[in-house]
């Protein structure tokens, strides 16, 4: 009976490893595809901005046009520290350090059991 459980566990572990490897492969493929897309966009965007201002192209039931979007960077602690110091004109670096530490300490940290492969 115990041997069956062990066999089952090994079977599941093997499946997890296969899935993890597949995910890693697909992640790498996605990364490469995104890099290629970015390179192509760097060619297309200036041409469309100059030649086709305000026009929309339809291709395979998709509308393709230029649009301005706001893109916000992640709020890292380094960024927060720099900007809060700038706000206080570098007059209260101790307070800024305490505030940043407080923000770090107040994060909700969950402990989860995970399978590390």
Protein backbone atom coordinates (compact mmCIF):
# COMPACT_ATOMS: atom_id res chain seq x y z
CA UNK A 1 0.00 0.00 0.00
CA UNK A 2 2.78 2.45 0.94
CA UNK A 3 4.64 1.54 -2.25
CA UNK A 4 1.60 2.53 -4.34
CA UNK A 5 1.46 5.94 -2.67
CA UNK A 6 5.17 6.47 -3.33
CA UNK A 7 4.74 5.45 -6.97
CA UNK A 8 1.82 7.84 -7.32
CA UNK A 9 3.83 10.69 -5.80
CA UNK A 10 6.74 10.03 -8.19
CA UNK A 11 4.30 9.98 -11.09
CA UNK A 12 2.90 13.37 -10.03
CA UNK A 13 6.39 14.78 -9.50
CA UNK A 14 7.38 13.65 -12.98
CA UNK A 15 4.28 15.35 -14.41
CA UNK A 16 5.11 18.54 -12.48
CA UNK A 17 8.66 18.53 -13.85
CA UNK A 18 7.42 18.00 -17.42
CA UNK A 19 4.90 20.83 -17.03
CA UNK A 20 7.51 23.13 -15.48
CA UNK A 21 9.89 22.48 -18.37
CA UNK A 22 7.10 23.15 -20.89
CA UNK A 23 6.20 26.40 -19.10
CA UNK A 24 9.87 27.46 -19.17
CA UNK A 25 10.07 26.72 -22.91
CA UNK A 26 6.87 28.64 -23.64
CA UNK A 27 8.00 31.54 -21.46
CA UNK A 28 11.24 31.75 -23.45
CA UNK A 29 9.29 31.62 -26.71
CA UNK A 30 6.98 34.39 -25.50
CA UNK A 31 9.99 36.50 -24.52
CA UNK A 32 11.52 36.03 -28.00
CA UNK A 33 8.21 36.83 -29.72
CA UNK A 34 7.78 40.00 -27.65
CA UNK A 35 11.32 41.12 -28.54
CA UNK A 36 10.62 40.55 -32.25
CA UNK A 37 7.32 42.41 -31.99
CA UNK A 38 9.02 45.35 -30.27
CA UNK A 39 11.62 45.56 -33.05
CA UNK A 40 8.93 45.53 -35.72
CA UNK A 41 6.88 48.15 -33.86
CA UNK A 42 9.94 50.44 -33.82
CA UNK A 43 9.82 50.34 -37.63
CA UNK A 44 6.05 50.60 -38.03
CA UNK A 45 5.23 53.36 -35.52
CA UNK A 46 7.31 56.17 -37.05
CA UNK A 47 5.97 55.38 -40.53
CA UNK A 48 2.36 55.28 -39.37
CA UNK A 49 2.85 58.46 -37.34
CA UNK A 50 4.15 60.28 -40.39
CA UNK A 51 2.20 58.75 -43.27
CA UNK A 52 -1.06 57.57 -41.75
CA UNK A 53 -1.85 60.01 -38.97
CA UNK A 54 -5.27 59.29 -37.49
CA UNK A 55 -6.01 56.38 -39.83
CA UNK A 56 -7.00 52.86 -38.84
CA UNK A 57 -5.98 49.70 -40.66
CA UNK A 58 -8.17 46.64 -40.47
CA UNK A 59 -6.52 43.24 -40.60
CA UNK A 60 -8.03 39.90 -39.59
CA UNK A 61 -10.90 41.56 -37.74
CA UNK A 62 -8.48 43.76 -35.81
CA UNK A 63 -8.27 47.53 -35.87
CA UNK A 64 -4.69 48.77 -35.94
CA UNK A 65 -4.02 52.40 -35.16
CA UNK A 66 -1.66 54.57 -33.17
CA UNK A 67 -2.75 55.59 -29.71
CA UNK A 68 -1.02 57.34 -26.84
CA UNK A 69 -1.19 55.51 -23.53
CA UNK A 70 0.08 56.39 -20.11
CA UNK A 71 2.52 53.76 -18.85
CA UNK A 72 3.41 53.80 -15.18
CA UNK A 73 6.53 52.11 -13.81
CA UNK A 74 6.35 49.82 -10.80
CA UNK A 75 6.50 51.51 -7.42
CA UNK A 76 9.74 50.15 -6.02
CA UNK A 77 11.03 51.09 -2.61
CA UNK A 78 14.04 52.70 -4.24
CA UNK A 79 11.74 54.87 -6.36
CA UNK A 80 9.57 55.79 -3.37
CA UNK A 81 12.64 56.65 -1.31
CA UNK A 82 14.01 58.92 -4.06
CA UNK A 83 10.72 60.71 -4.68
CA UNK A 84 9.79 61.20 -1.03
CA UNK A 85 13.28 62.61 -0.38
CA UNK A 86 12.76 64.94 -3.35
CA UNK A 87 9.37 65.97 -1.91
CA UNK A 88 11.00 66.85 1.42
CA UNK A 89 13.92 68.49 -0.45
CA UNK A 90 16.32 66.05 1.24
CA UNK A 91 15.68 67.78 4.56
CA UNK A 92 14.34 64.71 6.37
CA UNK A 93 16.25 61.64 5.18
CA UNK A 94 15.75 59.86 8.53
CA UNK A 95 11.98 60.33 8.33
CA UNK A 96 11.94 59.10 4.73
CA UNK A 97 13.96 56.02 5.69
CA UNK A 98 11.54 55.34 8.57
CA UNK A 99 8.54 55.78 6.26
CA UNK A 100 9.97 53.40 3.66
CA UNK A 101 10.80 50.85 6.34
CA UNK A 102 7.28 51.21 7.72
CA UNK A 103 5.82 50.52 4.26
CA UNK A 104 8.02 47.43 3.90
CA UNK A 105 7.08 46.17 7.35
CA UNK A 106 3.35 46.72 6.79
CA UNK A 107 3.16 44.56 3.66
CA UNK A 108 0.98 41.53 3.97
CA UNK A 109 3.22 38.51 3.80
CA UNK A 110 1.63 35.14 3.22
CA UNK A 111 3.39 31.86 3.85
CA UNK A 112 2.44 29.23 1.34
CA UNK A 113 3.74 25.74 0.87
CA UNK A 114 4.98 25.43 -2.70
CA UNK A 115 6.63 22.73 -4.71
CA UNK A 116 10.08 23.95 -5.77
CA UNK A 117 11.26 22.39 -9.03
